[in-house]
C-alpha cells in the first residue's frame, strides 16, 4: 500500500469511496522530523487506511507536522483527527478564512440558484456533497505559510509556492535541488483540476492560468499530484492543461453566442467526460461541479469585458 515515490518521500493512497477521484495521495516525508501532506475525507474508512499507512512507516507522531495544500475535504478532512499536542498544521490564510465561514454552504447554494441551477435539485446538495459531509472540524489552529516561505526537513528544503485557482489560497511545495513539486490539486496528470466560481468578485480561472505560468517557470523533473498518477513530463503536462483551459474558454464563448444564457444553461451545452445520455441525466453533484466550472469560464470573459450581464431573477450572459 505504501510506496516510496522519491527517496525519503512516501505515498499513502487514501481511498475516496464512490468518488471519481478514487483516492487522495497523502505524502509523507520521513526523517529526523516528519511531514504529512494532505489527508483524505473525515470518514472512518479513510482514517483506517491512513493510519495503516502511518503504522507501516513506523512514523513517530511526536516528531511529525502536517501540511494542507488547500481547503477541500479530500485534503483537510482528517487533519483534526491527526492533530496532536505540539503538532504544527501548516495552511494558507485565504483558504482558512473561507473554510471557517459558517455561511459558506448557504451562500454557494444561493449563488448557483442565481445562476439558473434548479431549486429542486439544490435542495438535495447537502445530503450528497462530500465537501459538506466529510470536511471535519473547520475551527482549528493553523500555522500560516505564505508564498516564498521555506520548510526544512532534513535533506529537503521546500519553498512554499502560492498557486491560486483551484482555491484562492492553494499552496504547493517545491524542492529546487531535486526539481520536485508536490502539487496538491494544482497539477493533475490524467484529469483536470476543477476550477469553480463561488462569487462574481473572484476570477479563479484567470488566477489558475497565471499560476500555471508561474509553475512553468520552475525547473521541474517530477510532479507529485494530489490524485492519481505521478507526472514525469511536467512541462508537457503544464502545456496540455493550459491548452485545455484556453479551448474551454473558446467553447464557452461560442455557446454564449446563442445567449442570453444562464451559467446552468451554458454548462448543459458544454462537452463533459461523463457517461450520461445528456445533461439532465447527470448526477446532481456532477451538475454542481459542471455549473461552477462553466461560471468560472464565463466570469473569465466578463472580467475582460467580453460579455454583457443581464440581472433579473437569474443572471444571464451574452457577448458584448
C-alpha atoms as a PDB file:
ATOM      1  CA  UNK A   1       0.000   0.000   0.000  1.00  0.00           C
ATOM      2  CA  UNK A   2       2.735   2.474   0.953  1.00  0.00           C
ATOM      3  CA  UNK A   3       5.086   3.390  -1.906  1.00  0.00           C
ATOM      4  CA  UNK A   4       8.387   5.274  -1.772  1.00  0.00           C
ATOM      5  CA  UNK A   5       7.985   7.602  -4.771  1.00  0.00           C
ATOM      6  CA  UNK A   6      11.158   9.646  -4.226  1.00  0.00           C
ATOM      7  CA  UNK A   7      13.925   8.677  -1.817  1.00  0.00           C
ATOM      8  CA  UNK A   8      12.587   9.802   1.567  1.00  0.00           C
ATOM      9  CA  UNK A   9       9.068  10.604   0.291  1.00  0.00           C
ATOM     10  CA  UNK A  10       6.302   8.026   0.621  1.00  0.00           C
ATOM     11  CA  UNK A  11       2.783   7.946  -0.815  1.00  0.00           C
ATOM     12  CA  UNK A  12      -0.201   6.565   1.071  1.00  0.00           C
ATOM     13  CA  UNK A  13      -3.264   6.305  -1.212  1.00  0.00           C
ATOM     14  CA  UNK A  14      -6.258   7.163   0.974  1.00  0.00           C
ATOM     15  CA  UNK A  15      -9.362   5.792  -0.808  1.00  0.00           C
ATOM     16  CA  UNK A  16     -12.295   8.080  -1.561  1.00  0.00           C
ATOM     17  CA  UNK A  17     -15.253   5.683  -1.705  1.00  0.00           C
ATOM     18  CA  UNK A  18     -17.747   6.217  -4.535  1.00  0.00           C
ATOM     19  CA  UNK A  19     -15.786   9.204  -5.778  1.00  0.00           C
ATOM     20  CA  UNK A  20     -14.367   9.548  -9.329  1.00  0.00           C
ATOM     21  CA  UNK A  21     -11.069  10.818  -7.897  1.00  0.00           C
ATOM     22  CA  UNK A  22     -10.579   7.291  -6.440  1.00  0.00           C
ATOM     23  CA  UNK A  23      -8.000   8.252  -3.780  1.00  0.00           C
ATOM     24  CA  UNK A  24      -6.089  11.137  -2.251  1.00  0.00           C
ATOM     25  CA  UNK A  25      -2.328  10.880  -2.467  1.00  0.00           C
ATOM     26  CA  UNK A  26      -1.139  11.504   1.075  1.00  0.00           C
ATOM     27  CA  UNK A  27       2.619  12.106   1.009  1.00  0.00           C
ATOM     28  CA  UNK A  28       4.882  11.520   3.991  1.00  0.00           C
ATOM     29  CA  UNK A  29       8.377  12.969   4.189  1.00  0.00           C
ATOM     30  CA  UNK A  30      10.266  10.887   6.687  1.00  0.00           C
ATOM     31  CA  UNK A  31      13.463  11.781   8.534  1.00  0.00           C
ATOM     32  CA  UNK A  32      14.596  13.206  11.864  1.00  0.00           C
ATOM     33  CA  UNK A  33      11.388  15.214  11.648  1.00  0.00           C
ATOM     34  CA  UNK A  34       8.438  14.215   9.504  1.00  0.00           C
ATOM     35  CA  UNK A  35       5.776  15.945   7.431  1.00  0.00           C
ATOM     36  CA  UNK A  36       2.403  14.583   6.309  1.00  0.00           C
ATOM     37  CA  UNK A  37       0.934  16.351   3.277  1.00  0.00           C
ATOM     38  CA  UNK A  38      -2.885  16.157   2.917  1.00  0.00           C
ATOM     39  CA  UNK A  39      -5.175  13.580   4.472  1.00  0.00           C
ATOM     40  CA  UNK A  40      -8.417  12.359   2.844  1.00  0.00           C
ATOM     41  CA  UNK A  41     -12.073  12.644   3.881  1.00  0.00           C
ATOM     42  CA  UNK A  42     -13.168  12.672   7.510  1.00  0.00           C
ATOM     43  CA  UNK A  43     -14.569   9.157   7.269  1.00  0.00           C
ATOM     44  CA  UNK A  44     -13.700   6.094   9.323  1.00  0.00           C
ATOM     45  CA  UNK A  45     -12.630   4.072   6.272  1.00  0.00           C
ATOM     46  CA  UNK A  46     -10.305   6.879   5.141  1.00  0.00           C
ATOM     47  CA  UNK A  47      -8.920   7.180   8.673  1.00  0.00           C
ATOM     48  CA  UNK A  48      -8.242   3.444   8.873  1.00  0.00           C
ATOM     49  CA  UNK A  49      -6.365   3.480   5.538  1.00  0.00           C
ATOM     50  CA  UNK A  50      -4.273   6.495   6.545  1.00  0.00           C
ATOM     51  CA  UNK A  51      -3.484   5.028   9.957  1.00  0.00           C
ATOM     52  CA  UNK A  52      -2.458   1.717   8.400  1.00  0.00           C
ATOM     53  CA  UNK A  53      -0.001   3.551   6.160  1.00  0.00           C
ATOM     54  CA  UNK A  54       1.468   5.564   9.020  1.00  0.00           C
ATOM     55  CA  UNK A  55       1.888   2.385  11.097  1.00  0.00           C
ATOM     56  CA  UNK A  56       3.616   0.676   8.170  1.00  0.00           C
ATOM     57  CA  UNK A  57       6.022   3.623   8.003  1.00  0.00           C
ATOM     58  CA  UNK A  58       6.569   3.415  11.774  1.00  0.00           C
ATOM     59  CA  UNK A  59       6.106   7.173  11.917  1.00  0.00           C
ATOM     60  CA  UNK A  60       6.822   8.890  15.223  1.00  0.00           C
ATOM     61  CA  UNK A  61       3.860  11.262  15.508  1.00  0.00           C
ATOM     62  CA  UNK A  62       5.612  13.220  18.242  1.00  0.00           C
ATOM     63  CA  UNK A  63       8.059  14.452  15.586  1.00  0.00           C
ATOM     64  CA  UNK A  64       5.519  14.926  12.815  1.00  0.00           C
ATOM     65  CA  UNK A  65       3.818  18.036  11.412  1.00  0.00           C
ATOM     66  CA  UNK A  66       1.079  18.411   8.808  1.00  0.00           C
ATOM     67  CA  UNK A  67       0.867  20.473   5.610  1.00  0.00           C
ATOM     68  CA  UNK A  68      -2.504  21.054   3.914  1.00  0.00           C
ATOM     69  CA  UNK A  69      -2.375  22.193   0.288  1.00  0.00           C
ATOM     70  CA  UNK A  70      -5.912  23.606   0.214  1.00  0.00           C
ATOM     71  CA  UNK A  71      -9.307  23.616   1.884  1.00  0.00           C
ATOM     72  CA  UNK A  72     -11.188  20.801   0.115  1.00  0.00           C
ATOM     73  CA  UNK A  73     -12.451  17.947   2.255  1.00  0.00           C
ATOM     74  CA  UNK A  74     -10.435  15.237   0.495  1.00  0.00           C
ATOM     75  CA  UNK A  75      -7.279  17.101   1.573  1.00  0.00           C
ATOM     76  CA  UNK A  76      -8.139  18.501   5.016  1.00  0.00           C
ATOM     77  CA  UNK A  77     -10.838  16.159   6.316  1.00  0.00           C
ATOM     78  CA  UNK A  78      -8.700  14.111   8.703  1.00  0.00           C
ATOM     79  CA  UNK A  79      -6.494  16.966   9.905  1.00  0.00           C
ATOM     80  CA  UNK A  80      -8.224  17.265  13.286  1.00  0.00           C
ATOM     81  CA  UNK A  81      -8.020  13.520  13.919  1.00  0.00           C
ATOM     82  CA  UNK A  82      -4.291  13.571  13.086  1.00  0.00           C
ATOM     83  CA  UNK A  83      -3.536  16.639  15.177  1.00  0.00           C
ATOM     84  CA  UNK A  84      -1.603  16.067  18.396  1.00  0.00           C
ATOM     85  CA  UNK A  85      -0.320  18.459  21.070  1.00  0.00           C
ATOM     86  CA  UNK A  86       2.667  20.289  19.654  1.00  0.00           C
ATOM     87  CA  UNK A  87       1.933  19.390  16.010  1.00  0.00           C
ATOM     88  CA  UNK A  88       2.119  22.271  13.537  1.00  0.00           C
ATOM     89  CA  UNK A  89      -0.614  22.328  10.912  1.00  0.00           C
ATOM     90  CA  UNK A  90       0.674  24.419   8.004  1.00  0.00           C
ATOM     91  CA  UNK A  91      -2.108  26.046   5.993  1.00  0.00           C
ATOM     92  CA  UNK A  92      -2.785  29.144   3.930  1.00  0.00           C
ATOM     93  CA  UNK A  93      -4.673  32.164   5.211  1.00  0.00           C
ATOM     94  CA  UNK A  94      -7.080  32.764   2.261  1.00  0.00           C
ATOM     95  CA  UNK A  95      -8.459  29.220   2.430  1.00  0.00           C
ATOM     96  CA  UNK A  96      -8.583  29.250   6.240  1.00  0.00           C
ATOM     97  CA  UNK A  97     -10.696  32.426   6.164  1.00  0.00           C
ATOM     98  CA  UNK A  98     -13.128  30.865   3.697  1.00  0.00           C
ATOM     99  CA  UNK A  99     -13.000  27.445   5.369  1.00  0.00           C
ATOM    100  CA  UNK A 100     -14.168  28.827   8.707  1.00  0.00           C
ATOM    101  CA  UNK A 101     -17.170  30.741   7.375  1.00  0.00           C
ATOM    102  CA  UNK A 102     -20.356  29.234   8.777  1.00  0.00           C
ATOM    103  CA  UNK A 103     -22.399  30.630   5.858  1.00  0.00           C
ATOM    104  CA  UNK A 104     -20.202  29.029   3.174  1.00  0.00           C
ATOM    105  CA  UNK A 105     -22.687  26.382   2.035  1.00  0.00           C
ATOM    106  CA  UNK A 106     -25.886  28.510   2.082  1.00  0.00           C
ATOM    107  CA  UNK A 107     -24.033  31.181   0.088  1.00  0.00           C
ATOM    108  CA  UNK A 108     -22.863  28.689  -2.547  1.00  0.00           C
ATOM    109  CA  UNK A 109     -26.391  27.346  -2.930  1.00  0.00           C
ATOM    110  CA  UNK A 110     -27.802  30.881  -3.340  1.00  0.00           C
ATOM    111  CA  UNK A 111     -25.110  31.665  -5.902  1.00  0.00           C
ATOM    112  CA  UNK A 112     -25.946  28.635  -8.048  1.00  0.00           C
ATOM    113  CA  UNK A 113     -29.682  29.360  -7.763  1.00  0.00           C
ATOM    114  CA  UNK A 114     -28.979  32.898  -9.008  1.00  0.00           C
ATOM    115  CA  UNK A 115     -27.210  31.310 -11.978  1.00  0.00           C
ATOM    116  CA  UNK A 116     -30.083  29.080 -13.030  1.00  0.00           C
ATOM    117  CA  UNK A 117     -29.479  25.833 -11.107  1.00  0.00           C
ATOM    118  CA  UNK A 118     -32.893  24.194 -10.475  1.00  0.00           C
ATOM    119  CA  UNK A 119     -34.079  24.806  -6.903  1.00  0.00           C
ATOM    120  CA  UNK A 120     -35.435  21.295  -6.525  1.00  0.00           C
ATOM    121  CA  UNK A 121     -32.053  19.744  -7.124  1.00  0.00           C
ATOM    122  CA  UNK A 122     -30.201  22.269  -4.962  1.00  0.00           C
ATOM    123  CA  UNK A 123     -32.254  21.086  -2.001  1.00  0.00           C
ATOM    124  CA  UNK A 124     -30.509  17.697  -2.334  1.00  0.00           C
ATOM    125  CA  UNK A 125     -26.960  19.036  -2.453  1.00  0.00           C
ATOM    126  CA  UNK A 126     -26.043  18.990   1.224  1.00  0.00           C
ATOM    127  CA  UNK A 127     -27.121  15.351   1.514  1.00  0.00           C
ATOM    128  CA  UNK A 128     -24.801  14.416  -1.346  1.00  0.00           C
ATOM    129  CA  UNK A 129     -21.840  16.797  -1.365  1.00  0.00           C
ATOM    130  CA  UNK A 130     -18.695  15.126   0.056  1.00  0.00           C
ATOM    131  CA  UNK A 131     -17.226  18.527   0.868  1.00  0.00           C
ATOM    132  CA  UNK A 132     -20.128  19.207   3.233  1.00  0.00           C
ATOM    133  CA  UNK A 133     -20.283  15.723   4.725  1.00  0.00           C
ATOM    134  CA  UNK A 134     -16.595  14.902   5.193  1.00  0.00           C
ATOM    135  CA  UNK A 135     -14.750  18.165   5.888  1.00  0.00           C
ATOM    136  CA  UNK A 136     -14.230  17.534   9.598  1.00  0.00           C
ATOM    137  CA  UNK A 137     -13.623  20.257  12.199  1.00  0.00           C
ATOM    138  CA  UNK A 138     -13.274  23.607  10.401  1.00  0.00           C
ATOM    139  CA  UNK A 139     -12.391  25.593  13.512  1.00  0.00           C
ATOM    140  CA  UNK A 140      -8.840  24.607  14.402  1.00  0.00           C
ATOM    141  CA  UNK A 141      -5.497  26.311  14.880  1.00  0.00           C
ATOM    142  CA  UNK A 142      -3.188  26.686  11.884  1.00  0.00           C
ATOM    143  CA  UNK A 143       0.360  27.858  11.294  1.00  0.00           C
ATOM    144  CA  UNK A 144       0.008  30.063   8.241  1.00  0.00           C
ATOM    145  CA  UNK A 145       2.543  29.851   5.425  1.00  0.00           C
ATOM    146  CA  UNK A 146       2.988  32.323   2.588  1.00  0.00           C
ATOM    147  CA  UNK A 147       4.474  32.368  -0.891  1.00  0.00           C
ATOM    148  CA  UNK A 148       8.261  32.067  -0.652  1.00  0.00           C
ATOM    149  CA  UNK A 149       8.378  30.629   2.871  1.00  0.00           C
ATOM    150  CA  UNK A 150      10.709  27.669   3.382  1.00  0.00           C
ATOM    151  CA  UNK A 151      10.168  24.442   5.299  1.00  0.00           C
ATOM    152  CA  UNK A 152      13.332  22.451   6.058  1.00  0.00           C
ATOM    153  CA  UNK A 153      13.071  18.708   6.605  1.00  0.00           C
ATOM    154  CA  UNK A 154      16.473  17.035   6.836  1.00  0.00           C
ATOM    155  CA  UNK A 155      17.886  16.841   3.309  1.00  0.00           C
ATOM    156  CA  UNK A 156      14.814  18.566   1.857  1.00  0.00           C
ATOM    157  CA  UNK A 157      14.283  22.305   1.658  1.00  0.00           C
ATOM    158  CA  UNK A 158      10.813  23.089   0.374  1.00  0.00           C
ATOM    159  CA  UNK A 159       9.744  26.502  -0.828  1.00  0.00           C
ATOM    160  CA  UNK A 160       6.047  27.295  -0.468  1.00  0.00           C
ATOM    161  CA  UNK A 161       4.533  28.311  -3.822  1.00  0.00           C
ATOM    162  CA  UNK A 162       1.162  30.085  -3.840  1.00  0.00           C
ATOM    163  CA  UNK A 163      -0.854  28.733  -6.787  1.00  0.00           C
ATOM    164  CA  UNK A 164      -4.383  30.194  -6.618  1.00  0.00           C
ATOM    165  CA  UNK A 165      -7.053  28.906  -8.975  1.00  0.00           C
ATOM    166  CA  UNK A 166      -8.393  25.592  -7.725  1.00  0.00           C
ATOM    167  CA  UNK A 167      -8.862  27.513  -4.465  1.00  0.00           C
ATOM    168  CA  UNK A 168      -7.856  31.065  -3.604  1.00  0.00           C
ATOM    169  CA  UNK A 169      -5.073  30.001  -1.259  1.00  0.00           C
ATOM    170  CA  UNK A 170      -3.821  26.760  -2.828  1.00  0.00           C
ATOM    171  CA  UNK A 171      -0.169  26.064  -1.953  1.00  0.00           C
ATOM    172  CA  UNK A 172       2.435  23.730  -3.470  1.00  0.00           C
ATOM    173  CA  UNK A 173       5.846  22.691  -2.133  1.00  0.00           C
ATOM    174  CA  UNK A 174       8.929  22.987  -4.368  1.00  0.00           C
ATOM    175  CA  UNK A 175      12.341  21.409  -3.813  1.00  0.00           C
ATOM    176  CA  UNK A 176      14.695  23.179  -6.225  1.00  0.00           C
ATOM    177  CA  UNK A 177      17.605  20.765  -5.731  1.00  0.00           C
ATOM    178  CA  UNK A 178      15.503  17.758  -6.751  1.00  0.00           C
ATOM    179  CA  UNK A 179      13.376  19.733  -9.254  1.00  0.00           C
ATOM    180  CA  UNK A 180      10.345  18.362  -7.456  1.00  0.00           C
ATOM    181  CA  UNK A 181       6.878  19.864  -6.927  1.00  0.00           C
ATOM    182  CA  UNK A 182       4.292  18.484  -4.507  1.00  0.00           C
ATOM    183  CA  UNK A 183       1.309  19.948  -6.271  1.00  0.00           C
ATOM    184  CA  UNK A 184      -1.925  19.172  -4.433  1.00  0.00           C
ATOM    185  CA  UNK A 185      -4.704  19.711  -6.969  1.00  0.00           C
ATOM    186  CA  UNK A 186      -2.953  22.464  -8.917  1.00  0.00           C
ATOM    187  CA  UNK A 187      -1.486  19.995 -11.434  1.00  0.00           C
ATOM    188  CA  UNK A 188      -3.096  16.600 -12.046  1.00  0.00           C
ATOM    189  CA  UNK A 189      -1.928  14.006 -14.532  1.00  0.00           C
ATOM    190  CA  UNK A 190      -4.834  12.229 -16.209  1.00  0.00           C
ATOM    191  CA  UNK A 191      -7.679  14.513 -15.113  1.00  0.00           C
ATOM    192  CA  UNK A 192      -8.067  18.289 -14.994  1.00  0.00           C
ATOM    193  CA  UNK A 193      -8.479  20.317 -11.799  1.00  0.00           C
ATOM    194  CA  UNK A 194     -11.965  21.685 -11.196  1.00  0.00           C
ATOM    195  CA  UNK A 195     -11.872  25.486 -11.396  1.00  0.00           C
ATOM    196  CA  UNK A 196     -15.102  26.570  -9.706  1.00  0.00           C
ATOM    197  CA  UNK A 197     -16.626  30.028  -9.296  1.00  0.00           C
ATOM    198  CA  UNK A 198     -18.100  30.900  -5.878  1.00  0.00           C
ATOM    199  CA  UNK A 199     -18.588  34.635  -6.398  1.00  0.00           C
ATOM    200  CA  UNK A 200     -18.513  37.176  -9.209  1.00  0.00           C
ATOM    201  CA  UNK A 201     -15.939  39.073  -7.151  1.00  0.00           C
ATOM    202  CA  UNK A 202     -13.267  36.471  -7.950  1.00  0.00           C
ATOM    203  CA  UNK A 203     -11.545  35.251 -11.119  1.00  0.00           C
ATOM    204  CA  UNK A 204     -10.367  31.700 -10.349  1.00  0.00           C
ATOM    205  CA  UNK A 205      -9.694  30.739 -13.974  1.00  0.00           C
ATOM    206  CA  UNK A 206      -7.578  33.843 -14.522  1.00  0.00           C
ATOM    207  CA  UNK A 207      -5.742  33.023 -11.294  1.00  0.00           C
ATOM    208  CA  UNK A 208      -5.253  29.430 -12.383  1.00  0.00           C
ATOM    209  CA  UNK A 209      -3.781  30.332 -15.771  1.00  0.00           C
ATOM    210  CA  UNK A 210      -1.409  32.765 -14.038  1.00  0.00           C
ATOM    211  CA  UNK A 211      -0.397  30.022 -11.572  1.00  0.00           C
ATOM    212  CA  UNK A 212       0.275  27.591 -14.448  1.00  0.00           C
ATOM    213  CA  UNK A 213       2.721  30.086 -15.926  1.00  0.00           C
ATOM    214  CA  UNK A 214       4.313  30.569 -12.513  1.00  0.00           C
ATOM    215  CA  UNK A 215       4.934  26.827 -12.119  1.00  0.00           C
ATOM    216  CA  UNK A 216       6.106  26.535 -15.742  1.00  0.00           C
ATOM    217  CA  UNK A 217       8.919  28.903 -14.794  1.00  0.00           C
ATOM    218  CA  UNK A 218      10.301  26.417 -12.239  1.00  0.00           C
ATOM    219  CA  UNK A 219      12.908  23.795 -13.031  1.00  0.00           C
ATOM    220  CA  UNK A 220      10.944  20.562 -12.784  1.00  0.00           C
ATOM    221  CA  UNK A 221      11.643  16.887 -13.339  1.00  0.00           C
ATOM    222  CA  UNK A 222       8.714  15.391 -11.431  1.00  0.00           C
ATOM    223  CA  UNK A 223       5.362  16.487 -10.008  1.00  0.00           C
ATOM    224  CA  UNK A 224       3.646  14.634  -7.170  1.00  0.00           C
ATOM    225  CA  UNK A 225      -0.072  15.387  -7.600  1.00  0.00           C
ATOM    226  CA  UNK A 226      -2.878  15.131  -5.061  1.00  0.00           C
ATOM    227  CA  UNK A 227      -4.619  12.369  -7.022  1.00  0.00           C
ATOM    228  CA  UNK A 228      -3.728   9.537  -9.341  1.00  0.00           C
ATOM    229  CA  UNK A 229      -0.501   9.188 -11.318  1.00  0.00           C
ATOM    230  CA  UNK A 230       2.874  10.857 -10.768  1.00  0.00           C
ATOM    231  CA  UNK A 231       3.832  13.281 -13.547  1.00  0.00           C
ATOM    232  CA  UNK A 232       7.249  12.674 -15.089  1.00  0.00           C
ATOM    233  CA  UNK A 233       6.937  15.108 -18.018  1.00  0.00           C
ATOM    234  CA  UNK A 234       5.997  18.303 -16.168  1.00  0.00           C
ATOM    235  CA  UNK A 235       6.335  20.858 -18.964  1.00  0.00           C
ATOM    236  CA  UNK A 236       4.333  18.692 -21.349  1.00  0.00           C
ATOM    237  CA  UNK A 237       1.529  18.373 -18.798  1.00  0.00           C
ATOM    238  CA  UNK A 238       1.565  22.088 -17.997  1.00  0.00           C
ATOM    239  CA  UNK A 239       1.116  22.905 -21.683  1.00  0.00           C
ATOM    240  CA  UNK A 240      -1.679  20.350 -22.001  1.00  0.00           C
ATOM    241  CA  UNK A 241      -3.529  21.949 -19.093  1.00  0.00           C
ATOM    242  CA  UNK A 242      -3.065  25.474 -20.447  1.00  0.00           C
ATOM    243  CA  UNK A 243      -4.316  24.407 -23.883  1.00  0.00           C
ATOM    244  CA  UNK A 244      -7.296  22.616 -22.353  1.00  0.00           C
ATOM    245  CA  UNK A 245      -8.488  25.666 -20.416  1.00  0.00           C
ATOM    246  CA  UNK A 246      -7.956  28.040 -23.327  1.00  0.00           C
ATOM    247  CA  UNK A 247     -10.020  25.710 -25.533  1.00  0.00           C
ATOM    248  CA  UNK A 248     -12.701  25.661 -22.819  1.00  0.00           C
ATOM    249  CA  UNK A 249     -12.842  29.455 -22.834  1.00  0.00           C
ATOM    250  CA  UNK A 250     -13.334  29.374 -26.609  1.00  0.00           C
ATOM    251  CA  UNK A 251     -16.046  26.727 -26.253  1.00  0.00           C
ATOM    252  CA  UNK A 252     -17.942  28.822 -23.706  1.00  0.00           C
ATOM    253  CA  UNK A 253     -17.603  31.912 -25.909  1.00  0.00           C
ATOM    254  CA  UNK A 254     -19.143  30.040 -28.851  1.00  0.00           C
ATOM    255  CA  UNK A 255     -22.005  28.775 -26.670  1.00  0.00           C
ATOM    256  CA  UNK A 256     -22.733  32.268 -25.358  1.00  0.00           C
ATOM    257  CA  UNK A 257     -23.344  33.473 -28.910  1.00  0.00           C
ATOM    258  CA  UNK A 258     -26.677  31.633 -28.525  1.00  0.00           C
ATOM    259  CA  UNK A 259     -27.377  33.883 -25.494  1.00  0.00           C
ATOM    260  CA  UNK A 260     -28.553  35.306 -23.295  1.00  0.00           C
ATOM    261  CA  UNK A 261     -27.916  32.180 -21.202  1.00  0.00           C
ATOM    262  CA  UNK A 262     -27.546  31.336 -17.523  1.00  0.00           C
ATOM    263  CA  UNK A 263     -24.479  29.612 -16.166  1.00  0.00           C
ATOM    264  CA  UNK A 264     -26.504  26.412 -15.787  1.00  0.00           C
ATOM    265  CA  UNK A 265     -27.629  26.605 -19.424  1.00  0.00           C
ATOM    266  CA  UNK A 266     -24.045  27.100 -20.587  1.00  0.00           C
ATOM    267  CA  UNK A 267     -22.930  24.080 -18.544  1.00  0.00           C
ATOM    268  CA  UNK A 268     -25.675  21.979 -20.140  1.00  0.00           C
ATOM    269  CA  UNK A 269     -24.284  22.771 -23.615  1.00  0.00           C
ATOM    270  CA  UNK A 270     -20.608  22.089 -22.801  1.00  0.00           C
ATOM    271  CA  UNK A 271     -18.764  18.839 -23.512  1.00  0.00           C
ATOM    272  CA  UNK A 272     -18.175  16.698 -20.405  1.00  0.00           C
ATOM    273  CA  UNK A 273     -16.313  13.426 -19.955  1.00  0.00           C
ATOM    274  CA  UNK A 274     -19.072  11.571 -18.165  1.00  0.00           C
ATOM    275  CA  UNK A 275     -21.238   8.586 -19.044  1.00  0.00           C
ATOM    276  CA  UNK A 276     -24.721  10.040 -19.430  1.00  0.00           C
ATOM    277  CA  UNK A 277     -27.122  10.453 -22.329  1.00  0.00           C
ATOM    278  CA  UNK A 278     -27.496  14.173 -21.696  1.00  0.00           C
ATOM    279  CA  UNK A 279     -27.009  16.860 -19.047  1.00  0.00           C
ATOM    280  CA  UNK A 280     -30.391  16.133 -17.439  1.00  0.00           C
ATOM    281  CA  UNK A 281     -29.137  12.612 -16.700  1.00  0.00           C
ATOM    282  CA  UNK A 282     -26.030  13.849 -14.857  1.00  0.00           C
ATOM    283  CA  UNK A 283     -25.978  13.144 -11.109  1.00  0.00           C
ATOM    284  CA  UNK A 284     -26.776  16.283  -9.118  1.00  0.00           C
ATOM    285  CA  UNK A 285     -23.215  16.612  -7.851  1.00  0.00           C
ATOM    286  CA  UNK A 286     -21.778  16.452 -11.362  1.00  0.00           C
ATOM    287  CA  UNK A 287     -24.171  19.212 -12.411  1.00  0.00           C
ATOM    288  CA  UNK A 288     -22.971  21.225  -9.399  1.00  0.00           C
ATOM    289  CA  UNK A 289     -19.299  20.913 -10.395  1.00  0.00           C
ATOM    290  CA  UNK A 290     -20.058  21.479 -14.085  1.00  0.00           C
ATOM    291  CA  UNK A 291     -22.064  24.644 -13.449  1.00  0.00           C
ATOM    292  CA  UNK A 292     -19.379  26.102 -11.187  1.00  0.00           C
ATOM    293  CA  UNK A 293     -16.756  25.362 -13.837  1.00  0.00           C
ATOM    294  CA  UNK A 294     -18.889  26.913 -16.586  1.00  0.00           C
ATOM    295  CA  UNK A 295     -19.284  30.028 -14.435  1.00  0.00           C
ATOM    296  CA  UNK A 296     -15.510  30.268 -13.942  1.00  0.00           C
ATOM    297  CA  UNK A 297     -15.137  30.418 -17.729  1.00  0.00           C
ATOM    298  CA  UNK A 298     -17.982  32.901 -18.058  1.00  0.00           C
ATOM    299  CA  UNK A 299     -16.573  35.174 -15.392  1.00  0.00           C
ATOM    300  CA  UNK A 300     -13.121  34.997 -17.007  1.00  0.00           C
ATOM    301  CA  UNK A 301     -14.686  36.502 -20.137  1.00  0.00           C
ATOM    302  CA  UNK A 302     -16.762  39.003 -18.144  1.00  0.00           C
ATOM    303  CA  UNK A 303     -13.673  40.220 -16.252  1.00  0.00           C
ATOM    304  CA  UNK A 304     -12.122  41.027 -19.622  1.00  0.00           C
ATOM    305  CA  UNK A 305     -15.200  42.997 -20.767  1.00  0.00           C
ATOM    306  CA  UNK A 306     -16.169  40.443 -23.398  1.00  0.00           C
ATOM    307  CA  UNK A 307     -19.673  39.800 -22.010  1.00  0.00           C
ATOM    308  CA  UNK A 308     -22.777  41.712 -21.073  1.00  0.00           C
ATOM    309  CA  UNK A 309     -24.697  40.683 -17.962  1.00  0.00           C
ATOM    310  CA  UNK A 310     -28.473  40.750 -17.593  1.00  0.00           C
ATOM    311  CA  UNK A 311     -29.614  40.675 -13.967  1.00  0.00           C
ATOM    312  CA  UNK A 312     -33.123  39.542 -13.099  1.00  0.00           C
ATOM    313  CA  UNK A 313     -34.478  36.620 -11.084  1.00  0.00           C
ATOM    314  CA  UNK A 314     -31.478  34.823 -12.571  1.00  0.00           C
ATOM    315  CA  UNK A 315     -28.281  36.165 -14.133  1.00  0.00           C
ATOM    316  CA  UNK A 316     -27.829  35.754 -17.884  1.00  0.00           C
ATOM    317  CA  UNK A 317     -24.844  36.458 -20.098  1.00  0.00           C
ATOM    318  CA  UNK A 318     -24.300  37.325 -23.736  1.00  0.00           C
ATOM    319  CA  UNK A 319     -21.384  38.577 -25.846  1.00  0.00           C
ATOM    320  CA  UNK A 320     -20.611  42.301 -25.511  1.00  0.00           C
END
